[in-house]
Protein backbone atom coordinates (compact mmCIF):
# COMPACT_ATOMS: atom_id res chain seq x y z
CA MET A 1 0.00 0.00 0.00
CA ALA A 2 1.47 3.34 -1.05
CA VAL A 3 2.41 5.81 1.65
CA THR A 4 2.43 9.51 0.82
CA LEU A 5 4.55 12.10 2.60
CA HIS A 6 2.85 15.43 1.93
CA VAL A 7 5.17 18.43 2.33
CA CYS A 8 3.81 21.96 2.65
CA ILE A 9 5.89 23.84 0.09
CA THR A 10 4.32 27.23 0.84
CA CYS A 11 5.38 27.24 4.49
CA ARG A 12 7.40 30.24 5.56
CA ALA A 13 7.99 28.90 9.09
CA GLY A 14 6.89 32.24 10.51
CA LYS A 15 9.62 34.18 8.74
CA PRO A 16 9.52 36.59 5.81
CA VAL A 17 10.60 35.18 2.48
CA VAL A 18 13.43 36.99 0.75
CA GLU A 19 12.47 37.66 -2.86
CA GLY A 20 14.14 35.20 -5.19
CA GLU A 21 14.91 32.67 -2.44
CA PRO A 22 12.90 29.50 -1.73
CA CYS A 23 10.68 29.53 1.34
CA ALA A 24 11.28 27.06 4.19
CA GLY A 25 8.72 24.58 2.86
CA GLU A 26 10.38 24.45 -0.56
CA ARG A 27 13.74 23.88 1.11
CA LEU A 28 12.29 21.04 3.20
CA HIS A 29 10.79 19.41 0.12
CA ALA A 30 14.14 19.63 -1.67
CA ALA A 31 15.97 18.12 1.32
CA LEU A 32 13.50 15.22 1.51
CA GLN A 33 13.90 14.37 -2.17
CA GLY A 34 17.28 12.86 -1.43
CA VAL A 35 16.29 10.86 1.66
CA ALA A 36 12.67 9.74 1.24
CA PRO A 37 12.51 6.02 2.04
CA GLU A 38 11.58 3.39 -0.52
CA GLY A 39 7.83 2.95 -0.78
CA VAL A 40 7.12 6.52 0.34
CA ARG A 41 5.92 8.95 -2.32
CA LEU A 42 6.88 12.58 -1.75
CA ALA A 43 4.04 14.97 -2.63
CA PRO A 44 4.26 18.77 -2.51
CA VAL A 45 1.08 20.50 -1.28
CA SER A 46 0.14 24.16 -1.10
CA CYS A 47 -0.83 24.41 2.56
CA LEU A 48 -1.39 22.12 5.55
CA SER A 49 -2.78 24.99 7.69
CA ALA A 50 -0.15 24.53 10.39
CA CYS A 51 1.40 27.94 9.72
CA SER A 52 2.13 28.76 13.35
CA ARG A 53 4.01 25.47 13.82
CA GLY A 54 6.89 25.92 11.38
CA CYS A 55 7.32 23.61 8.41
CA ALA A 56 4.69 20.88 8.24
CA VAL A 57 4.32 17.43 6.71
CA ALA A 58 1.57 14.82 6.70
CA LEU A 59 1.85 11.05 6.39
CA ALA A 60 -1.12 9.25 4.83
CA ALA A 61 -2.08 5.96 3.20
CA PRO A 62 -5.37 4.26 2.37
CA GLY A 63 -6.86 2.52 5.41
CA ARG A 64 -4.35 4.07 7.82
CA TRP A 65 -4.39 6.90 10.32
CA THR A 66 -3.04 10.16 8.91
CA TYR A 67 -0.58 12.22 10.97
CA VAL A 68 0.30 15.90 10.57
CA TYR A 69 3.58 17.14 12.07
CA GLY A 70 4.91 20.69 12.40
CA GLY A 71 7.97 22.38 13.81
CA ILE A 72 10.26 20.87 11.20
CA THR A 73 13.48 22.64 10.28
CA PRO A 74 14.44 22.15 6.61
CA GLU A 75 18.18 22.37 7.18
CA SER A 76 18.41 19.77 9.95
CA ASP A 77 15.33 17.54 10.20
CA ALA A 78 14.99 15.83 6.79
CA ALA A 79 16.70 12.61 7.92
CA GLU A 80 14.48 12.37 11.00
CA VAL A 81 11.34 12.98 8.91
CA ALA A 82 12.49 10.23 6.53
CA ALA A 83 13.03 7.87 9.47
CA GLY A 84 9.53 8.62 10.75
CA ALA A 85 8.08 8.04 7.28
CA ALA A 86 9.81 4.66 7.10
CA ARG A 87 8.34 3.66 10.48
CA TYR A 88 4.90 4.79 9.33
CA ALA A 89 5.25 2.79 6.11
CA GLY A 90 5.97 -0.30 8.21
CA ALA A 91 2.88 0.11 10.40
CA PRO A 92 -0.15 -1.59 8.78
CA ASP A 93 -2.62 0.79 10.44
CA GLY A 94 -0.33 3.83 10.43
CA ILE A 95 0.04 3.82 14.20
CA VAL A 96 3.71 3.73 15.14
CA PRO A 97 4.22 2.95 18.86
CA TRP A 98 5.16 6.12 20.76
CA ARG A 99 8.64 4.91 21.74
CA GLU A 100 9.45 3.93 18.15
CA ARG A 101 8.68 7.38 16.74
CA PRO A 102 11.55 9.78 16.10
CA ASP A 103 11.77 12.44 18.80
CA LEU A 104 10.81 15.09 16.25
CA PHE A 105 7.47 13.32 15.69
CA ARG A 106 6.85 12.82 19.42
CA ARG A 107 7.26 16.53 20.13
CA ASN A 108 5.59 18.06 17.08
CA ILE A 109 2.35 16.27 16.31
CA VAL A 110 -0.33 18.67 15.06
CA ALA A 111 -3.14 16.21 14.30
CA ARG A 112 -4.04 12.54 14.06
CA ILE A 113 -6.87 11.80 11.64
CA PRO A 114 -8.71 8.46 11.50
CA PRO A 115 -8.79 6.41 8.31
CA LEU A 116 -11.61 7.07 5.87
CA GLU A 117 -14.35 4.48 5.95
CA SER A 118 -14.37 2.27 2.89
């Protein structure tokens, strides 16, 4: 079952964007392109409405819980996001046990959304 890692590419992480430079969300997306785990599709999205929480991502898959995480720093957290995505991909229902989640995901959860009914 395909797992999607949605990355908010419009996120400014609460900071002004310098004209001609990529915003924080675009930088995070670029950083994740090199480290996204096998079986995880990287998908840029316009907004995850977690603007006050820094850069945001969401992990989703059919029949699984969806998780939204914020507070992600593009320059330093891509590897930890990739590790969390790999754990999520290995969880049949999307629920990764608390102690197995990367610290970044333990501290920065924005929302947990139940699977859609089939």
